[in-house]
Amino acid sequence: MNTLAFIIDDSAINVAVARLLLKRLGWSVEEFNSALPMLARLAEVRPAFMLLDISMPDMGGEEACRRIRARPEWADIRVIAYTAHAMDAEHQRYLHAGFDDILTKPVTLGTLEAAIGRAPGPAPQAV
C-alpha cells in the first residue's frame, strides 16, 4: 500500500502545516521547497499523491503538473494544487492544466481529509 505523499512548497510554514496534518492522517511525507528536485525524485519513487504549490520561484506548479502529465509512467499520481489563489477562474485553469483537485490555503485537517482521505493501513499514531 502506497502511503507516501509529496509536499512541494517554497514556504516552510505551509510545508510544516501540511506535514503535521498529513501525518495525523497516517501519510508518510517527503518535502521539497521547489519543483525541480521533486521531478528528479519522481524518477526514483512514486507518491500516492502530491500537494503542489502553484507559485514557486524555479518552476510554477502549473508547469510542473504539465511535465508530470506528459509522462505516461506518472499518469496515476494524484496531483493536487496547493494554493492561496482561490478565484473560480483560477481553479478552472488548474483543472485544465491537469491537476486532479485544488486545496486552498490555509488547509485544515477536515479539508485535507476530504480531499485525500486517510492513508491505507492501520490507524495512525498520535503525532
Protein backbone atom coordinates (compact mmCIF):
# COMPACT_ATOMS: atom_id res chain seq x y z
CA MET A 1 0.00 0.00 0.00
CA ASN A 2 1.39 3.35 -1.02
CA THR A 3 1.21 5.81 1.87
CA LEU A 4 3.74 8.32 0.52
CA ALA A 5 2.76 11.96 -0.06
CA PHE A 6 4.91 14.73 -1.53
CA ILE A 7 4.59 18.33 -0.37
CA ILE A 8 6.10 20.86 -2.78
CA ASP A 9 6.02 24.43 -1.49
CA ASP A 10 8.62 27.17 -1.06
CA SER A 11 7.01 28.33 2.22
CA ALA A 12 8.39 26.48 5.26
CA ILE A 13 5.23 27.33 7.22
CA ASN A 14 2.91 25.85 4.58
CA VAL A 15 5.07 22.71 4.43
CA ALA A 16 5.05 22.35 8.22
CA VAL A 17 1.25 22.68 8.42
CA ALA A 18 0.67 20.17 5.62
CA ARG A 19 3.24 17.74 7.08
CA LEU A 20 1.59 17.79 10.51
CA LEU A 21 -1.90 17.25 9.11
CA LEU A 22 -0.85 14.52 6.68
CA LYS A 23 0.95 12.63 9.43
CA ARG A 24 -2.20 12.81 11.56
CA LEU A 25 -3.99 11.15 8.65
CA GLY A 26 -1.37 8.39 8.55
CA TRP A 27 0.62 9.51 5.48
CA SER A 28 4.40 9.45 5.25
CA VAL A 29 5.79 12.62 3.73
CA GLU A 30 8.66 13.83 1.58
CA GLU A 31 9.10 17.59 1.33
CA PHE A 32 10.51 19.76 -1.45
CA ASN A 33 10.96 23.52 -1.49
CA SER A 34 10.79 23.65 -5.28
CA ALA A 35 9.54 21.64 -8.24
CA LEU A 36 12.85 20.67 -9.84
CA PRO A 37 14.10 18.34 -7.05
CA MET A 38 10.60 16.83 -6.81
CA LEU A 39 10.63 15.99 -10.53
CA ALA A 40 14.06 14.38 -10.13
CA ARG A 41 12.80 12.33 -7.16
CA LEU A 42 9.85 11.03 -9.23
CA ALA A 43 12.37 9.04 -11.26
CA GLU A 44 13.10 7.03 -8.08
CA VAL A 45 9.86 6.84 -6.10
CA ARG A 46 6.17 7.30 -6.80
CA PRO A 47 3.93 9.01 -4.22
CA ALA A 48 0.23 8.25 -3.93
CA PHE A 49 -0.39 11.99 -4.32
CA MET A 50 1.28 15.34 -4.04
CA LEU A 51 0.36 18.79 -2.80
CA LEU A 52 1.92 21.07 -5.41
CA ASP A 53 2.15 24.82 -4.78
CA ILE A 54 1.22 26.99 -7.75
CA SER A 55 3.63 29.89 -7.16
CA MET A 56 7.27 28.90 -6.71
CA PRO A 57 10.46 30.62 -7.84
CA ASP A 58 12.12 27.95 -10.02
CA MET A 59 9.09 26.47 -11.76
CA GLY A 60 5.43 27.10 -11.10
CA GLY A 61 3.09 24.32 -10.15
CA GLU A 62 1.21 24.50 -13.44
CA GLU A 63 4.37 23.82 -15.45
CA ALA A 64 5.41 21.05 -13.05
CA CYS A 65 1.96 19.46 -13.41
CA ARG A 66 2.21 19.61 -17.21
CA ARG A 67 5.58 17.83 -17.05
CA ILE A 68 4.14 15.13 -14.79
CA ARG A 69 1.12 14.62 -17.05
CA ALA A 70 3.40 14.37 -20.11
CA ARG A 71 4.96 11.17 -18.70
CA PRO A 72 2.74 8.06 -19.01
CA GLU A 73 4.55 6.33 -16.13
CA TRP A 74 3.42 9.14 -13.81
CA ALA A 75 -0.19 9.25 -15.02
CA ASP A 76 -1.58 7.58 -11.89
CA ILE A 77 -0.12 10.13 -9.45
CA ARG A 78 -2.80 12.35 -7.96
CA VAL A 79 -1.65 15.97 -8.25
CA ILE A 80 -3.42 18.48 -6.03
CA ALA A 81 -2.92 22.23 -6.44
CA TYR A 82 -1.95 23.61 -3.02
CA THR A 83 -2.55 27.32 -3.37
CA ALA A 84 -3.73 30.59 -1.90
CA HIS A 85 -5.17 31.56 -5.30
CA ALA A 86 -8.86 30.97 -4.66
CA MET A 87 -10.74 32.56 -7.55
CA ASP A 88 -13.07 30.26 -9.52
CA ALA A 89 -11.43 31.15 -12.84
CA GLU A 90 -8.05 30.13 -11.42
CA HIS A 91 -9.47 26.82 -10.19
CA GLN A 92 -10.78 26.04 -13.67
CA ARG A 93 -7.37 26.88 -15.16
CA TYR A 94 -5.66 24.50 -12.71
CA LEU A 95 -8.05 21.66 -13.54
CA HIS A 96 -7.47 22.24 -17.28
CA ALA A 97 -3.70 22.20 -16.61
CA GLY A 98 -4.02 18.62 -15.31
CA PHE A 99 -4.50 18.97 -11.57
CA ASP A 100 -6.88 16.45 -10.02
CA ASP A 101 -8.11 18.75 -7.27
CA ILE A 102 -7.43 22.09 -5.58
CA LEU A 103 -6.80 22.77 -1.90
CA THR A 104 -6.91 26.42 -0.90
CA LYS A 105 -4.54 27.54 1.84
CA PRO A 106 -4.76 27.58 4.72
CA VAL A 107 -5.82 23.96 4.89
CA THR A 108 -7.43 22.26 7.86
CA LEU A 109 -7.46 18.63 8.89
CA GLY A 110 -11.05 18.41 7.63
CA THR A 111 -10.40 19.88 4.18
CA LEU A 112 -7.30 17.76 3.74
CA GLU A 113 -9.06 14.58 4.81
CA ALA A 114 -11.97 15.35 2.47
CA ALA A 115 -9.55 15.77 -0.44
CA ILE A 116 -7.20 12.81 0.11
CA GLY A 117 -8.60 10.69 2.93
CA ARG A 118 -6.63 8.73 5.45
CA ALA A 119 -3.66 6.61 4.50
CA PRO A 120 -4.47 2.95 3.82
CA GLY A 121 -3.47 0.52 6.52
CA PRO A 122 -3.55 0.60 10.32
CA ALA A 123 -4.77 3.67 12.18
CA PRO A 124 -2.08 6.36 12.52
CA GLN A 125 -0.34 7.00 15.81
CA ALA A 126 -0.79 10.36 17.54
CA VAL A 127 1.75 12.93 16.40
